[in-house]
Amino acid sequence: MKKTSVLSALLASLVWCSTGLAQDATTPQRFTTRGFQFTVGMTGARSTIEKGESPTAGIGVSLHAGYGFTRRLSLFLGGTGTTMESGKYALAHVDLGGRLLLSEAQLRPYLQAAWTGRQAREDIPEHFDDQVVQIRGFGPSVGAGVEYGVSPEAAVDVGLVYTGGDYTEGKITKDPWTDLGSGRFGGRSLRFTVGVTARI
């Protein structure tokens, strides 16, 4: 009787352990959203200047570094650089803002807002004898996107960001930056980014 009881107890223990391991194997991993995070990606951008010029579009790269204070909220510093019209026109953005995750599931939509510095550069030799015209300014950005967690520390990030505001300073080649004053003008840009995020 004792041997039978011992064998039964051992068998029950083995069944319980195997069931627990099977459950652990099928339980989805909880994705990490706290701590430092870095994103590298490709960006497509479209820019419109309110001076009546035609919209320009191009592709480039994006870099994003942030810190998650909670499982939902993080602050970030990011930048994108794109070239357009075979390198004749270039546009750069630098964003400082916050992101709010709307879910902690594997598929995580988010909203974000930022204050953005923007600088455009254009080569127009037909008007300025091979010189370069540059303009810059600041404005608000709003965006939305989704992360798809592929591991507890990594995700694919797809996002769309709209930036408004004015270009307030300009320069030609190596001349100093000049305040455009009443000649300032607005600009709008739309960026679509696909990247890979790593968290540590």
Protein backbone atom coordinates (compact mmCIF):
# COMPACT_ATOMS: atom_id res chain seq x y z
CA MET A 1 0.00 0.00 0.00
CA LYS A 2 2.78 2.38 0.86
CA LYS A 3 4.57 1.74 -2.46
CA THR A 4 1.32 2.25 -4.33
CA SER A 5 0.68 5.51 -2.48
CA VAL A 6 4.19 6.77 -3.20
CA LEU A 7 3.93 5.87 -6.89
CA SER A 8 0.55 7.55 -7.13
CA ALA A 9 1.92 10.70 -5.52
CA LEU A 10 4.91 10.75 -7.87
CA LEU A 11 2.66 10.23 -10.89
CA ALA A 12 0.36 13.03 -9.76
CA SER A 13 3.36 15.32 -9.29
CA LEU A 14 4.67 14.57 -12.77
CA VAL A 15 1.28 15.23 -14.33
CA TRP A 16 0.96 18.55 -12.43
CA CYS A 17 4.47 19.66 -13.45
CA SER A 18 3.96 18.77 -17.13
CA THR A 19 0.61 20.59 -17.16
CA GLY A 20 2.20 23.68 -15.60
CA LEU A 21 5.06 23.68 -18.10
CA ALA A 22 2.64 23.34 -21.00
CA GLN A 23 0.64 26.28 -19.70
CA ASP A 24 3.80 28.39 -19.31
CA ALA A 25 4.82 27.58 -22.88
CA THR A 26 1.49 28.71 -24.28
CA THR A 27 1.10 31.82 -22.07
CA PRO A 28 1.89 35.01 -24.05
CA GLN A 29 4.92 36.91 -22.79
CA ARG A 30 4.31 40.30 -21.23
CA PHE A 31 6.08 42.90 -23.35
CA THR A 32 8.43 45.37 -21.71
CA THR A 33 7.45 49.03 -22.11
CA ARG A 34 9.51 50.63 -19.34
CA GLY A 35 13.09 51.84 -19.49
CA PHE A 36 15.26 53.06 -22.35
CA GLN A 37 14.10 52.48 -25.90
CA PHE A 38 15.73 53.07 -29.30
CA THR A 39 14.14 52.99 -32.75
CA VAL A 40 15.82 52.97 -36.17
CA GLY A 41 13.69 53.18 -39.28
CA MET A 42 12.93 54.40 -42.77
CA THR A 43 10.84 57.53 -43.32
CA GLY A 44 8.83 58.83 -46.23
CA ALA A 45 8.05 62.57 -46.02
CA ARG A 46 5.86 65.04 -47.90
CA SER A 47 6.34 68.79 -47.42
CA THR A 48 4.18 71.73 -48.45
CA ILE A 49 5.25 75.37 -48.11
CA GLU A 50 2.58 78.06 -48.02
CA LYS A 51 4.46 80.22 -50.53
CA GLY A 52 2.61 78.50 -53.34
CA GLU A 53 5.32 76.00 -54.26
CA SER A 54 4.39 72.47 -55.29
CA PRO A 55 4.58 69.77 -52.59
CA THR A 56 7.79 67.75 -52.47
CA ALA A 57 8.23 64.16 -51.33
CA GLY A 58 11.15 61.89 -50.56
CA ILE A 59 12.56 59.16 -48.34
CA GLY A 60 15.19 59.02 -45.62
CA VAL A 61 16.05 57.66 -42.19
CA SER A 62 14.75 58.15 -38.66
CA LEU A 63 16.31 57.78 -35.19
CA HIS A 64 14.34 57.82 -31.96
CA ALA A 65 15.50 57.52 -28.33
CA GLY A 66 13.15 57.54 -25.37
CA TYR A 67 12.50 56.46 -21.81
CA GLY A 68 9.36 54.73 -20.56
CA PHE A 69 8.41 56.01 -17.11
CA THR A 70 5.38 53.71 -16.90
CA ARG A 71 4.00 50.84 -18.97
CA ARG A 72 2.01 53.38 -21.00
CA LEU A 73 3.85 56.74 -20.96
CA SER A 74 7.29 57.62 -22.38
CA LEU A 75 9.22 60.73 -23.35
CA PHE A 76 11.37 60.79 -26.48
CA LEU A 77 13.86 62.72 -28.59
CA GLY A 78 13.86 61.82 -32.26
CA GLY A 79 14.92 63.02 -35.66
CA THR A 80 14.29 62.32 -39.33
CA GLY A 81 16.20 63.34 -42.41
CA THR A 82 14.89 63.01 -45.97
CA THR A 83 16.13 63.95 -49.41
CA MET A 84 13.81 64.93 -52.26
CA GLU A 85 14.03 65.62 -55.98
CA SER A 86 17.27 63.64 -56.46
CA GLY A 87 19.05 65.41 -53.61
CA LYS A 88 18.16 68.93 -54.68
CA TYR A 89 15.93 69.38 -51.63
CA ALA A 90 16.46 68.11 -48.07
CA LEU A 91 14.24 68.27 -45.00
CA ALA A 92 15.14 67.50 -41.37
CA HIS A 93 12.95 67.28 -38.26
CA VAL A 94 13.94 67.06 -34.58
CA ASP A 95 11.12 66.11 -32.17
CA LEU A 96 10.91 66.38 -28.38
CA GLY A 97 7.70 64.94 -27.02
CA GLY A 98 5.72 62.22 -25.31
CA ARG A 99 3.99 59.01 -26.36
CA LEU A 100 0.98 57.28 -24.81
CA LEU A 101 0.45 53.56 -25.44
CA LEU A 102 -3.24 52.66 -25.59
CA SER A 103 -2.72 48.96 -24.90
CA GLU A 104 -0.29 46.50 -23.32
CA ALA A 105 -1.17 43.68 -25.71
CA GLN A 106 1.07 42.35 -28.47
CA LEU A 107 -0.44 44.91 -30.85
CA ARG A 108 -0.15 48.32 -29.16
CA PRO A 109 -1.64 51.46 -30.77
CA TYR A 110 -0.28 54.80 -29.55
CA LEU A 111 -0.73 58.56 -29.74
CA GLN A 112 2.08 61.11 -29.49
CA ALA A 113 2.68 64.86 -29.46
CA ALA A 114 5.91 66.85 -29.76
CA TRP A 115 7.50 70.24 -30.24
CA THR A 116 9.45 70.06 -33.49
CA GLY A 117 12.35 71.94 -34.99
CA ARG A 118 12.40 71.80 -38.78
CA GLN A 119 15.01 72.83 -41.34
CA ALA A 120 14.81 72.73 -45.14
CA ARG A 121 17.64 73.10 -47.62
CA GLU A 122 17.31 73.67 -51.35
CA ASP A 123 19.83 73.97 -54.18
CA ILE A 124 18.52 76.43 -56.77
CA PRO A 125 21.46 77.39 -59.01
CA GLU A 126 19.19 78.91 -61.66
CA HIS A 127 18.42 81.77 -59.25
CA PHE A 128 21.40 81.98 -56.86
CA ASP A 129 24.48 80.98 -58.88
CA ASP A 130 25.05 77.54 -57.32
CA GLN A 131 24.29 78.75 -53.81
CA VAL A 132 22.12 77.03 -51.22
CA VAL A 133 18.98 78.45 -49.60
CA GLN A 134 18.05 77.26 -46.09
CA ILE A 135 15.03 77.97 -43.89
CA ARG A 136 14.13 76.81 -40.40
CA GLY A 137 11.49 77.15 -37.70
CA PHE A 138 9.51 75.41 -34.97
CA GLY A 139 6.02 74.02 -34.68
CA PRO A 140 3.79 71.40 -33.04
CA SER A 141 3.59 67.79 -34.18
CA VAL A 142 0.90 65.20 -33.56
CA GLY A 143 1.03 61.56 -34.51
CA ALA A 144 -0.41 58.08 -34.18
CA GLY A 145 0.85 54.60 -34.86
CA VAL A 146 1.08 51.03 -33.69
CA GLU A 147 3.77 48.80 -32.21
CA TYR A 148 3.82 45.04 -32.74
CA GLY A 149 5.82 43.20 -30.10
CA VAL A 150 8.00 40.45 -31.54
CA SER A 151 9.76 39.73 -28.22
CA PRO A 152 9.66 41.19 -24.68
CA GLU A 153 12.37 43.69 -25.67
CA ALA A 154 11.70 44.35 -29.37
CA ALA A 155 8.86 45.62 -31.53
CA VAL A 156 8.07 46.77 -35.05
CA ASP A 157 6.88 50.40 -35.06
CA VAL A 158 4.71 51.98 -37.77
CA GLY A 159 3.69 55.63 -37.35
CA LEU A 160 2.37 58.74 -39.05
CA VAL A 161 3.27 62.29 -37.86
CA TYR A 162 1.92 65.67 -38.97
CA THR A 163 3.91 68.87 -38.30
CA GLY A 164 2.74 72.47 -38.66
CA GLY A 165 4.21 75.84 -37.72
CA ASP A 166 6.17 78.60 -39.44
CA TYR A 167 9.58 78.99 -41.01
CA THR A 168 10.96 82.02 -39.21
CA GLU A 169 14.64 82.22 -40.23
CA GLY A 170 16.54 81.94 -43.49
CA LYS A 171 20.03 82.13 -44.97
CA ILE A 172 21.92 81.75 -48.23
CA THR A 173 25.03 79.54 -48.27
CA LYS A 174 27.41 80.71 -45.48
CA ASP A 175 25.60 83.92 -44.60
CA PRO A 176 24.32 84.22 -41.01
CA TRP A 177 20.76 83.23 -40.18
CA THR A 178 18.29 86.12 -40.59
CA ASP A 179 14.92 86.57 -38.91
CA LEU A 180 12.27 86.65 -41.63
CA GLY A 181 10.08 88.95 -39.53
CA SER A 182 6.79 89.70 -41.26
CA GLY A 183 8.02 87.62 -44.19
CA ARG A 184 7.77 84.37 -42.25
CA PHE A 185 5.61 81.69 -43.83
CA GLY A 186 3.96 78.46 -42.82
CA GLY A 187 4.84 74.94 -43.77
CA ARG A 188 3.24 71.54 -43.34
CA SER A 189 4.91 68.16 -43.43
CA LEU A 190 3.67 64.59 -43.14
CA ARG A 191 6.00 61.72 -42.21
CA PHE A 192 5.38 57.98 -42.43
CA THR A 193 7.92 55.81 -40.62
CA VAL A 194 8.53 52.07 -40.33
CA GLY A 195 11.12 51.06 -37.78
CA VAL A 196 12.40 48.51 -35.27
CA THR A 197 12.36 49.35 -31.55
CA ALA A 198 14.68 47.83 -28.95
CA ARG A 199 14.17 48.29 -25.21
CA ILE A 200 16.76 47.79 -22.49
